[in-house]
Amino acid sequence: MCLGIPMTVLTGSDSCALCGRGEEFRQVSLMLIGPQPAGTKVLVHIDTAVRVLDEEEAGQIDRALEGLAAALDGRAFEHLFQDLIDREPELPAHLRDQ
């Protein structure tokens, strides 16, 4: 299974950017989303930015990835999924019946 991860554009050109996440840095293609200014959060899948993220969504994905790692290590993880506790699951808008 492949996952998209949030990364931050550090520097770039029209077609690629140096992006970072923690201590990891990658050259990422921007061909699907166009040039982005430094500081933009992007969802990266196989070294390609597939869409721009806002801060809230990037944070949710970061917490979910941290939660998965914690669960695999046998550590507490529930606190990382606060946005899912005490509510019914919902499909993303594009998958709901219109």
PDB file of N, CA and C in Angstrom:
ATOM      1  N   MET A   1       0.850  -1.178   0.000  1.00  0.00           N
ATOM      2  CA  MET A   1       0.000   0.000   0.000  1.00  0.00           C
ATOM      3  C   MET A   1       0.892   1.235   0.000  1.00  0.00           C
ATOM      4  N   CYS A   2       0.539   2.206  -0.786  1.00  0.00           N
ATOM      5  CA  CYS A   2       1.274   3.468  -0.854  1.00  0.00           C
ATOM      6  C   CYS A   2       0.450   4.553  -0.177  1.00  0.00           C
ATOM      7  N   LEU A   3       1.120   5.432   0.536  1.00  0.00           N
ATOM      8  CA  LEU A   3       0.456   6.542   1.202  1.00  0.00           C
ATOM      9  C   LEU A   3       0.982   7.862   0.679  1.00  0.00           C
ATOM     10  N   GLY A   4       0.108   8.841   0.611  1.00  0.00           N
ATOM     11  CA  GLY A   4       0.539  10.197   0.343  1.00  0.00           C
ATOM     12  C   GLY A   4       0.919  10.841   1.662  1.00  0.00           C
ATOM     13  N   ILE A   5       1.972  11.633   1.656  1.00  0.00           N
ATOM     14  CA  ILE A   5       2.389  12.296   2.886  1.00  0.00           C
ATOM     15  C   ILE A   5       2.448  13.807   2.659  1.00  0.00           C
ATOM     16  N   PRO A   6       2.088  14.570   3.691  1.00  0.00           N
ATOM     17  CA  PRO A   6       2.197  16.019   3.571  1.00  0.00           C
ATOM     18  C   PRO A   6       3.657  16.454   3.639  1.00  0.00           C
ATOM     19  N   MET A   7       4.035  17.340   2.749  1.00  0.00           N
ATOM     20  CA  MET A   7       5.370  17.928   2.766  1.00  0.00           C
ATOM     21  C   MET A   7       5.228  19.423   2.512  1.00  0.00           C
ATOM     22  N   THR A   8       6.257  20.161   2.862  1.00  0.00           N
ATOM     23  CA  THR A   8       6.265  21.610   2.686  1.00  0.00           C
ATOM     24  C   THR A   8       7.239  21.984   1.583  1.00  0.00           C
ATOM     25  N   VAL A   9       6.771  22.808   0.648  1.00  0.00           N
ATOM     26  CA  VAL A   9       7.639  23.303  -0.420  1.00  0.00           C
ATOM     27  C   VAL A   9       8.678  24.233   0.199  1.00  0.00           C
ATOM     28  N   LEU A  10       9.943  23.955  -0.073  1.00  0.00           N
ATOM     29  CA  LEU A  10      11.033  24.793   0.440  1.00  0.00           C
ATOM     30  C   LEU A  10      11.530  25.746  -0.649  1.00  0.00           C
ATOM     31  N   THR A  11      11.839  25.217  -1.799  1.00  0.00           N
ATOM     32  CA  THR A  11      12.242  26.014  -2.963  1.00  0.00           C
ATOM     33  C   THR A  11      11.761  25.275  -4.191  1.00  0.00           C
ATOM     34  N   GLY A  12      11.629  25.989  -5.305  1.00  0.00           N
ATOM     35  CA  GLY A  12      11.187  25.268  -6.479  1.00  0.00           C
ATOM     36  C   GLY A  12      11.209  26.080  -7.743  1.00  0.00           C
ATOM     37  N   SER A  13      10.815  25.393  -8.805  1.00  0.00           N
ATOM     38  CA  SER A  13      10.683  26.000 -10.122  1.00  0.00           C
ATOM     39  C   SER A  13       9.266  25.728 -10.607  1.00  0.00           C
ATOM     40  N   ASP A  14       9.037  25.914 -11.891  1.00  0.00           N
ATOM     41  CA  ASP A  14       7.701  25.657 -12.428  1.00  0.00           C
ATOM     42  C   ASP A  14       7.312  24.191 -12.364  1.00  0.00           C
ATOM     43  N   SER A  15       8.289  23.293 -12.475  1.00  0.00           N
ATOM     44  CA  SER A  15       7.949  21.876 -12.596  1.00  0.00           C
ATOM     45  C   SER A  15       8.389  20.994 -11.429  1.00  0.00           C
ATOM     46  N   CYS A  16       9.269  21.473 -10.564  1.00  0.00           N
ATOM     47  CA  CYS A  16       9.685  20.649  -9.427  1.00  0.00           C
ATOM     48  C   CYS A  16      10.052  21.533  -8.244  1.00  0.00           C
ATOM     49  N   ALA A  17      10.100  20.898  -7.079  1.00  0.00           N
ATOM     50  CA  ALA A  17      10.408  21.644  -5.859  1.00  0.00           C
ATOM     51  C   ALA A  17      11.163  20.749  -4.887  1.00  0.00           C
ATOM     52  N   LEU A  18      11.982  21.368  -4.070  1.00  0.00           N
ATOM     53  CA  LEU A  18      12.564  20.677  -2.937  1.00  0.00           C
ATOM     54  C   LEU A  18      11.540  20.802  -1.818  1.00  0.00           C
ATOM     55  N   CYS A  19      11.085  19.654  -1.310  1.00  0.00           N
ATOM     56  CA  CYS A  19      10.078  19.634  -0.253  1.00  0.00           C
ATOM     57  C   CYS A  19      10.659  18.944   0.974  1.00  0.00           C
ATOM     58  N   GLY A  20      10.172  19.334   2.138  1.00  0.00           N
ATOM     59  CA  GLY A  20      10.659  18.738   3.366  1.00  0.00           C
ATOM     60  C   GLY A  20       9.542  18.328   4.297  1.00  0.00           C
ATOM     61  N   ARG A  21       9.874  17.350   5.121  1.00  0.00           N
ATOM     62  CA  ARG A  21       8.990  16.880   6.192  1.00  0.00           C
ATOM     63  C   ARG A  21       9.920  16.377   7.284  1.00  0.00           C
ATOM     64  N   GLY A  22       9.984  17.099   8.382  1.00  0.00           N
ATOM     65  CA  GLY A  22      10.928  16.731   9.434  1.00  0.00           C
ATOM     66  C   GLY A  22      12.342  16.788   8.902  1.00  0.00           C
ATOM     67  N   GLU A  23      13.057  15.674   9.029  1.00  0.00           N
ATOM     68  CA  GLU A  23      14.435  15.610   8.553  1.00  0.00           C
ATOM     69  C   GLU A  23      14.546  14.977   7.159  1.00  0.00           C
ATOM     70  N   GLU A  24      13.409  14.751   6.505  1.00  0.00           N
ATOM     71  CA  GLU A  24      13.395  14.156   5.167  1.00  0.00           C
ATOM     72  C   GLU A  24      13.198  15.246   4.119  1.00  0.00           C
ATOM     73  N   PHE A  25      13.979  15.170   3.059  1.00  0.00           N
ATOM     74  CA  PHE A  25      13.887  16.124   1.955  1.00  0.00           C
ATOM     75  C   PHE A  25      13.830  15.348   0.650  1.00  0.00           C
ATOM     76  N   ARG A  26      12.991  15.826  -0.285  1.00  0.00           N
ATOM     77  CA  ARG A  26      12.834  15.152  -1.581  1.00  0.00           C
ATOM     78  C   ARG A  26      12.650  16.171  -2.691  1.00  0.00           C
ATOM     79  N   GLN A  27      13.115  15.800  -3.869  1.00  0.00           N
ATOM     80  CA  GLN A  27      12.772  16.542  -5.074  1.00  0.00           C
ATOM     81  C   GLN A  27      11.414  16.011  -5.516  1.00  0.00           C
ATOM     82  N   VAL A  28      10.446  16.897  -5.649  1.00  0.00           N
ATOM     83  CA  VAL A  28       9.063  16.512  -5.923  1.00  0.00           C
ATOM     84  C   VAL A  28       8.594  17.178  -7.210  1.00  0.00           C
ATOM     85  N   SER A  29       7.940  16.413  -8.058  1.00  0.00           N
ATOM     86  CA  SER A  29       7.359  16.963  -9.280  1.00  0.00           C
ATOM     87  C   SER A  29       6.127  17.795  -8.935  1.00  0.00           C
ATOM     88  N   LEU A  30       6.014  18.958  -9.568  1.00  0.00           N
ATOM     89  CA  LEU A  30       4.837  19.819  -9.409  1.00  0.00           C
ATOM     90  C   LEU A  30       3.972  19.813 -10.669  1.00  0.00           C
ATOM     91  N   MET A  31       4.220  18.884 -11.552  1.00  0.00           N
ATOM     92  CA  MET A  31       3.536  18.879 -12.847  1.00  0.00           C
ATOM     93  C   MET A  31       2.018  18.752 -12.734  1.00  0.00           C
ATOM     94  N   LEU A  32       1.510  18.104 -11.691  1.00  0.00           N
ATOM     95  CA  LEU A  32       0.061  17.937 -11.549  1.00  0.00           C
ATOM     96  C   LEU A  32      -0.626  19.150 -10.916  1.00  0.00           C
ATOM     97  N   ILE A  33       0.128  19.955 -10.159  1.00  0.00           N
ATOM     98  CA  ILE A  33      -0.511  21.066  -9.435  1.00  0.00           C
ATOM     99  C   ILE A  33       0.038  22.435  -9.818  1.00  0.00           C
ATOM    100  N   GLY A  34       1.091  22.479 -10.603  1.00  0.00           N
ATOM    101  CA  GLY A  34       1.671  23.752 -10.996  1.00  0.00           C
ATOM    102  C   GLY A  34       2.628  24.296  -9.956  1.00  0.00           C
ATOM    103  N   PRO A  35       3.316  25.383 -10.272  1.00  0.00           N
ATOM    104  CA  PRO A  35       4.295  25.959  -9.351  1.00  0.00           C
ATOM    105  C   PRO A  35       3.631  26.410  -8.056  1.00  0.00           C
ATOM    106  N   GLN A  36       4.360  26.258  -6.959  1.00  0.00           N
ATOM    107  CA  GLN A  36       3.846  26.630  -5.645  1.00  0.00           C
ATOM    108  C   GLN A  36       4.908  27.438  -4.899  1.00  0.00           C
ATOM    109  N   PRO A  37       4.477  28.436  -4.139  1.00  0.00           N
ATOM    110  CA  PRO A  37       5.451  29.219  -3.375  1.00  0.00           C
ATOM    111  C   PRO A  37       5.977  28.443  -2.174  1.00  0.00           C
ATOM    112  N   ALA A  38       7.150  28.863  -1.707  1.00  0.00           N
ATOM    113  CA  ALA A  38       7.728  28.262  -0.500  1.00  0.00           C
ATOM    114  C   ALA A  38       6.733  28.380   0.650  1.00  0.00           C
ATOM    115  N   GLY A  39       6.653  27.314   1.450  1.00  0.00           N
ATOM    116  CA  GLY A  39       5.741  27.290   2.587  1.00  0.00           C
ATOM    117  C   GLY A  39       4.430  26.571   2.307  1.00  0.00           C
ATOM    118  N   THR A  40       4.139  26.309   1.033  1.00  0.00           N
ATOM    119  CA  THR A  40       2.901  25.614   0.672  1.00  0.00           C
ATOM    120  C   THR A  40       2.983  24.155   1.107  1.00  0.00           C
ATOM    121  N   LYS A  41       1.917  23.649   1.715  1.00  0.00           N
ATOM    122  CA  LYS A  41       1.817  22.234   2.070  1.00  0.00           C
ATOM    123  C   LYS A  41       1.227  21.491   0.877  1.00  0.00           C
ATOM    124  N   VAL A  42       1.863  20.377   0.503  1.00  0.00           N
ATOM    125  CA  VAL A  42       1.381  19.570  -0.616  1.00  0.00           C
ATOM    126  C   VAL A  42       1.322  18.107  -0.192  1.00  0.00           C
ATOM    127  N   LEU A  43       0.394  17.368  -0.790  1.00  0.00           N
ATOM    128  CA  LEU A  43       0.304  15.935  -0.569  1.00  0.00           C
ATOM    129  C   LEU A  43       1.170  15.259  -1.616  1.00  0.00           C
ATOM    130  N   VAL A  44       2.183  14.495  -1.163  1.00  0.00           N
ATOM    131  CA  VAL A  44       3.168  13.887  -2.055  1.00  0.00           C
ATOM    132  C   VAL A  44       2.956  12.381  -2.105  1.00  0.00           C
ATOM    133  N   HIS A  45       2.867  11.867  -3.320  1.00  0.00           N
ATOM    134  CA  HIS A  45       2.708  10.438  -3.558  1.00  0.00           C
ATOM    135  C   HIS A  45       3.706  10.039  -4.637  1.00  0.00           C
ATOM    136  N   ILE A  46       4.606   9.147  -4.306  1.00  0.00           N
ATOM    137  CA  ILE A  46       5.648   8.678  -5.222  1.00  0.00           C
ATOM    138  C   ILE A  46       6.392   9.874  -5.845  1.00  0.00           C
ATOM    139  N   ASP A  47       6.858  10.780  -4.984  1.00  0.00           N
ATOM    140  CA  ASP A  47       7.650  11.953  -5.386  1.00  0.00           C
ATOM    141  C   ASP A  47       6.926  12.882  -6.349  1.00  0.00           C
ATOM    142  N   THR A  48       5.596  12.874  -6.311  1.00  0.00           N
ATOM    143  CA  THR A  48       4.783  13.780  -7.113  1.00  0.00           C
ATOM    144  C   THR A  48       3.756  14.454  -6.212  1.00  0.00           C
ATOM    145  N   ALA A  49       3.709  15.776  -6.246  1.00  0.00           N
ATOM    146  CA  ALA A  49       2.688  16.506  -5.489  1.00  0.00           C
ATOM    147  C   ALA A  49       1.358  16.324  -6.220  1.00  0.00           C
ATOM    148  N   VAL A  50       0.367  15.762  -5.521  1.00  0.00           N
ATOM    149  CA  VAL A  50      -0.915  15.483  -6.170  1.00  0.00           C
ATOM    150  C   VAL A  50      -1.976  16.526  -5.851  1.00  0.00           C
ATOM    151  N   ARG A  51      -1.793  17.290  -4.761  1.00  0.00           N
ATOM    152  CA  ARG A  51      -2.689  18.404  -4.481  1.00  0.00           C
ATOM    153  C   ARG A  51      -2.146  19.263  -3.357  1.00  0.00           C
ATOM    154  N   VAL A  52      -2.639  20.489  -3.314  1.00  0.00           N
ATOM    155  CA  VAL A  52      -2.273  21.443  -2.269  1.00  0.00           C
ATOM    156  C   VAL A  52      -3.138  21.153  -1.041  1.00  0.00           C
ATOM    157  N   LEU A  53      -2.540  21.238   0.146  1.00  0.00           N
ATOM    158  CA  LEU A  53      -3.250  21.025   1.405  1.00  0.00           C
ATOM    159  C   LEU A  53      -3.318  22.318   2.198  1.00  0.00           C
ATOM    160  N   ASP A  54      -4.407  22.513   2.944  1.00  0.00           N
ATOM    161  CA  ASP A  54      -4.410  23.612   3.904  1.00  0.00           C
ATOM    162  C   ASP A  54      -3.773  23.091   5.202  1.00  0.00           C
ATOM    163  N   GLU A  55      -3.464  23.992   6.110  1.00  0.00           N
ATOM    164  CA  GLU A  55      -2.762  23.624   7.351  1.00  0.00           C
ATOM    165  C   GLU A  55      -3.541  22.590   8.160  1.00  0.00           C
ATOM    166  N   GLU A  56      -4.864  22.749   8.224  1.00  0.00           N
ATOM    167  CA  GLU A  56      -5.683  21.835   9.021  1.00  0.00           C
ATOM    168  C   GLU A  56      -5.623  20.406   8.475  1.00  0.00           C
ATOM    169  N   GLU A  57      -5.800  20.268   7.171  1.00  0.00           N
ATOM    170  CA  GLU A  57      -5.782  18.931   6.584  1.00  0.00           C
ATOM    171  C   GLU A  57      -4.387  18.310   6.680  1.00  0.00           C
ATOM    172  N   ALA A  58      -3.355  19.096   6.465  1.00  0.00           N
ATOM    173  CA  ALA A  58      -1.991  18.584   6.600  1.00  0.00           C
ATOM    174  C   ALA A  58      -1.755  18.079   8.019  1.00  0.00           C
ATOM    175  N   GLY A  59      -2.252  18.821   9.012  1.00  0.00           N
ATOM    176  CA  GLY A  59      -2.121  18.401  10.409  1.00  0.00           C
ATOM    177  C   GLY A  59      -2.876  17.118  10.702  1.00  0.00           C
ATOM    178  N   GLN A  60      -4.077  16.984  10.145  1.00  0.00           N
ATOM    179  CA  GLN A  60      -4.851  15.753  10.342  1.00  0.00           C
ATOM    180  C   GLN A  60      -4.123  14.548   9.763  1.00  0.00           C
ATOM    181  N   ILE A  61      -3.557  14.702   8.590  1.00  0.00           N
ATOM    182  CA  ILE A  61      -2.832  13.595   7.968  1.00  0.00           C
ATOM    183  C   ILE A  61      -1.581  13.275   8.776  1.00  0.00           C
ATOM    184  N   ASP A  62      -0.859  14.302   9.244  1.00  0.00           N
ATOM    185  CA  ASP A  62       0.326  14.074  10.078  1.00  0.00           C
ATOM    186  C   ASP A  62      -0.036  13.286  11.334  1.00  0.00           C
ATOM    187  N   ARG A  63      -1.121  13.693  12.003  1.00  0.00           N
ATOM    188  CA  ARG A  63      -1.547  12.992  13.226  1.00  0.00           C
ATOM    189  C   ARG A  63      -1.971  11.554  12.921  1.00  0.00           C
ATOM    190  N   ALA A  64      -2.649  11.341  11.802  1.00  0.00           N
ATOM    191  CA  ALA A  64      -3.058   9.982  11.434  1.00  0.00           C
ATOM    192  C   ALA A  64      -1.835   9.097  11.182  1.00  0.00           C
ATOM    193  N   LEU A  65      -0.837   9.617  10.479  1.00  0.00           N
ATOM    194  CA  LEU A  65       0.372   8.834  10.231  1.00  0.00           C
ATOM    195  C   LEU A  65       1.110   8.545  11.534  1.00  0.00           C
ATOM    196  N   GLU A  66       1.158   9.538  12.420  1.00  0.00           N
ATOM    197  CA  GLU A  66       1.779   9.332  13.730  1.00  0.00           C
ATOM    198  C   GLU A  66       0.992   8.294  14.527  1.00  0.00           C
ATOM    199  N   GLY A  67      -0.339   8.345  14.440  1.00  0.00           N
ATOM    200  CA  GLY A  67      -1.189   7.386  15.133  1.00  0.00           C
ATOM    201  C   GLY A  67      -0.982   5.967  14.635  1.00  0.00           C
ATOM    202  N   LEU A  68      -0.852   5.793  13.324  1.00  0.00           N
ATOM    203  CA  LEU A  68      -0.594   4.461  12.770  1.00  0.00           C
ATOM    204  C   LEU A  68       0.744   3.914  13.268  1.00  0.00           C
ATOM    205  N   ALA A  69       1.760   4.759  13.276  1.00  0.00           N
ATOM    206  CA  ALA A  69       3.075   4.327  13.758  1.00  0.00           C
ATOM    207  C   ALA A  69       3.004   3.954  15.236  1.00  0.00           C
ATOM    208  N   ALA A  70       2.275   4.747  16.031  1.00  0.00           N
ATOM    209  CA  ALA A  70       2.136   4.451  17.452  1.00  0.00           C
ATOM    210  C   ALA A  70       1.394   3.132  17.668  1.00  0.00           C
ATOM    211  N   ALA A  71       0.317   2.907  16.919  1.00  0.00           N
ATOM    212  CA  ALA A  71      -0.441   1.659  17.045  1.00  0.00           C
ATOM    213  C   ALA A  71       0.439   0.455  16.697  1.00  0.00           C
ATOM    214  N   LEU A  72       1.223   0.572  15.645  1.00  0.00           N
ATOM    215  CA  LEU A  72       2.111  -0.525  15.254  1.00  0.00           C
ATOM    216  C   LEU A  72       3.172  -0.802  16.308  1.00  0.00           C
ATOM    217  N   ASP A  73       3.577   0.246  17.045  1.00  0.00           N
ATOM    218  CA  ASP A  73       4.584   0.094  18.100  1.00  0.00           C
ATOM    219  C   ASP A  73       3.970  -0.310  19.434  1.00  0.00           C
ATOM    220  N   GLY A  74       2.623  -0.402  19.499  1.00  0.00           N
ATOM    221  CA  GLY A  74       1.959  -0.759  20.749  1.00  0.00           C
ATOM    222  C   GLY A  74       1.834   0.405  21.722  1.00  0.00           C
ATOM    223  N   ARG A  75       1.998   1.627  21.222  1.00  0.00           N
ATOM    224  CA  ARG A  75       1.860   2.812  22.073  1.00  0.00           C
ATOM    225  C   ARG A  75       0.443   3.359  21.970  1.00  0.00           C
ATOM    226  N   ALA A  76       0.074   4.233  22.905  1.00  0.00           N
ATOM    227  CA  ALA A  76      -1.232   4.887  22.867  1.00  0.00           C
ATOM    228  C   ALA A  76      -1.345   5.733  21.603  1.00  0.00           C
ATOM    229  N   PHE A  77      -2.500   5.688  20.969  1.00  0.00           N
ATOM    230  CA  PHE A  77      -2.676   6.429  19.720  1.00  0.00           C
ATOM    231  C   PHE A  77      -4.011   7.158  19.642  1.00  0.00           C
ATOM    232  N   GLU A  78      -4.941   6.856  20.524  1.00  0.00           N
ATOM    233  CA  GLU A  78      -6.287   7.409  20.430  1.00  0.00           C
ATOM    234  C   GLU A  78      -6.296   8.936  20.421  1.00  0.00           C
ATOM    235  N   HIS A  79      -5.396   9.556  21.177  1.00  0.00           N
ATOM    236  CA  HIS A  79      -5.358  11.017  21.269  1.00  0.00           C
ATOM    237  C   HIS A  79      -5.026  11.673  19.920  1.00  0.00           C
ATOM    238  N   LEU A  80      -4.469  10.907  19.004  1.00  0.00           N
ATOM    239  CA  LEU A  80      -4.103  11.440  17.697  1.00  0.00           C
ATOM    240  C   LEU A  80      -5.268  11.432  16.711  1.00  0.00           C
ATOM    241  N   PHE A  81      -6.383  10.849  17.119  1.00  0.00           N
ATOM    242  CA  PHE A  81      -7.566  10.760  16.263  1.00  0.00           C
ATOM    243  C   PHE A  81      -8.760  11.466  16.899  1.00  0.00           C
ATOM    244  N   GLN A  82      -8.503  12.568  17.606  1.00  0.00           N
ATOM    245  CA  GLN A  82      -9.574  13.312  18.285  1.00  0.00           C
ATOM    246  C   GLN A  82     -10.680  13.748  17.342  1.00  0.00           C
ATOM    247  N   ASP A  83     -10.327  14.028  16.101  1.00  0.00           N
ATOM    248  CA  ASP A  83     -11.339  14.483  15.135  1.00  0.00           C
ATOM    249  C   ASP A  83     -12.308  13.375  14.746  1.00  0.00           C
ATOM    250  N   LEU A  84     -12.022  12.119  15.105  1.00  0.00           N
ATOM    251  CA  LEU A  84     -12.897  11.001  14.755  1.00  0.00           C
ATOM    252  C   LEU A  84     -13.713  10.477  15.929  1.00  0.00           C
ATOM    253  N   ILE A  85     -13.328  10.870  17.137  1.00  0.00           N
ATOM    254  CA  ILE A  85     -14.002  10.366  18.334  1.00  0.00           C
ATOM    255  C   ILE A  85     -15.352  11.054  18.504  1.00  0.00           C
ATOM    256  N   ASP A  86     -16.354  10.284  18.916  1.00  0.00           N
ATOM    257  CA  ASP A  86     -17.704  10.780  19.216  1.00  0.00           C
ATOM    258  C   ASP A  86     -18.422  11.363  18.006  1.00  0.00           C
ATOM    259  N   ARG A  87     -18.189  10.808  16.832  1.00  0.00           N
ATOM    260  CA  ARG A  87     -18.973  11.222  15.665  1.00  0.00           C
ATOM    261  C   ARG A  87     -19.076  10.047  14.702  1.00  0.00           C
ATOM    262  N   GLU A  88     -20.111  10.092  13.908  1.00  0.00           N
ATOM    263  CA  GLU A  88     -20.306   9.065  12.899  1.00  0.00           C
ATOM    264  C   GLU A  88     -19.316   9.280  11.751  1.00  0.00           C
ATOM    265  N   PRO A  89     -18.785   8.189  11.222  1.00  0.00           N
ATOM    266  CA  PRO A  89     -17.897   8.342  10.060  1.00  0.00           C
ATOM    267  C   PRO A  89     -18.666   8.927   8.879  1.00  0.00           C
ATOM    268  N   GLU A  90     -17.981   9.711   8.040  1.00  0.00           N
ATOM    269  CA  GLU A  90     -18.579  10.323   6.863  1.00  0.00           C
ATOM    270  C   GLU A  90     -17.732  10.020   5.640  1.00  0.00           C
ATOM    271  N   LEU A  91     -18.400   9.818   4.529  1.00  0.00           N
ATOM    272  CA  LEU A  91     -17.686   9.699   3.268  1.00  0.00           C
ATOM    273  C   LEU A  91     -17.206  11.069   2.828  1.00  0.00           C
ATOM    274  N   PRO A  92     -16.098  11.155   2.107  1.00  0.00           N
ATOM    275  CA  PRO A  92     -15.703  12.430   1.520  1.00  0.00           C
ATOM    276  C   PRO A  92     -16.811  12.926   0.584  1.00  0.00           C
ATOM    277  N   ALA A  93     -16.905  14.212   0.420  1.00  0.00           N
ATOM    278  CA  ALA A  93     -17.980  14.830  -0.377  1.00  0.00           C
ATOM    279  C   ALA A  93     -18.083  14.227  -1.777  1.00  0.00           C
ATOM    280  N   HIS A  94     -16.955  13.947  -2.404  1.00  0.00           N
ATOM    281  CA  HIS A  94     -16.988  13.428  -3.777  1.00  0.00           C
ATOM    282  C   HIS A  94     -17.504  11.993  -3.873  1.00  0.00           C
ATOM    283  N   LEU A  95     -17.638  11.286  -2.741  1.00  0.00           N
ATOM    284  CA  LEU A  95     -18.163   9.920  -2.757  1.00  0.00           C
ATOM    285  C   LEU A  95     -19.618   9.832  -2.275  1.00  0.00           C
ATOM    286  N   ARG A  96     -20.164  10.925  -1.796  1.00  0.00           N
ATOM    287  CA  ARG A  96     -21.544  10.926  -1.321  1.00  0.00           C
ATOM    288  C   ARG A  96     -22.521  10.966  -2.488  1.00  0.00           C
ATOM    289  N   ASP A  97     -23.721  10.386  -2.284  1.00  0.00           N
ATOM    290  CA  ASP A  97     -24.775  10.481  -3.287  1.00  0.00           C
ATOM    291  C   ASP A  97     -25.192  11.927  -3.402  1.00  0.00           C
ATOM    292  N   GLN A  98     -25.425  12.353  -4.620  1.00  0.00           N
ATOM    293  CA  GLN A  98     -25.814  13.758  -4.836  1.00  0.00           C
ATOM    294  C   GLN A  98     -27.299  13.905  -4.783  1.00  0.00           C
TER     295      GLN A  98
END
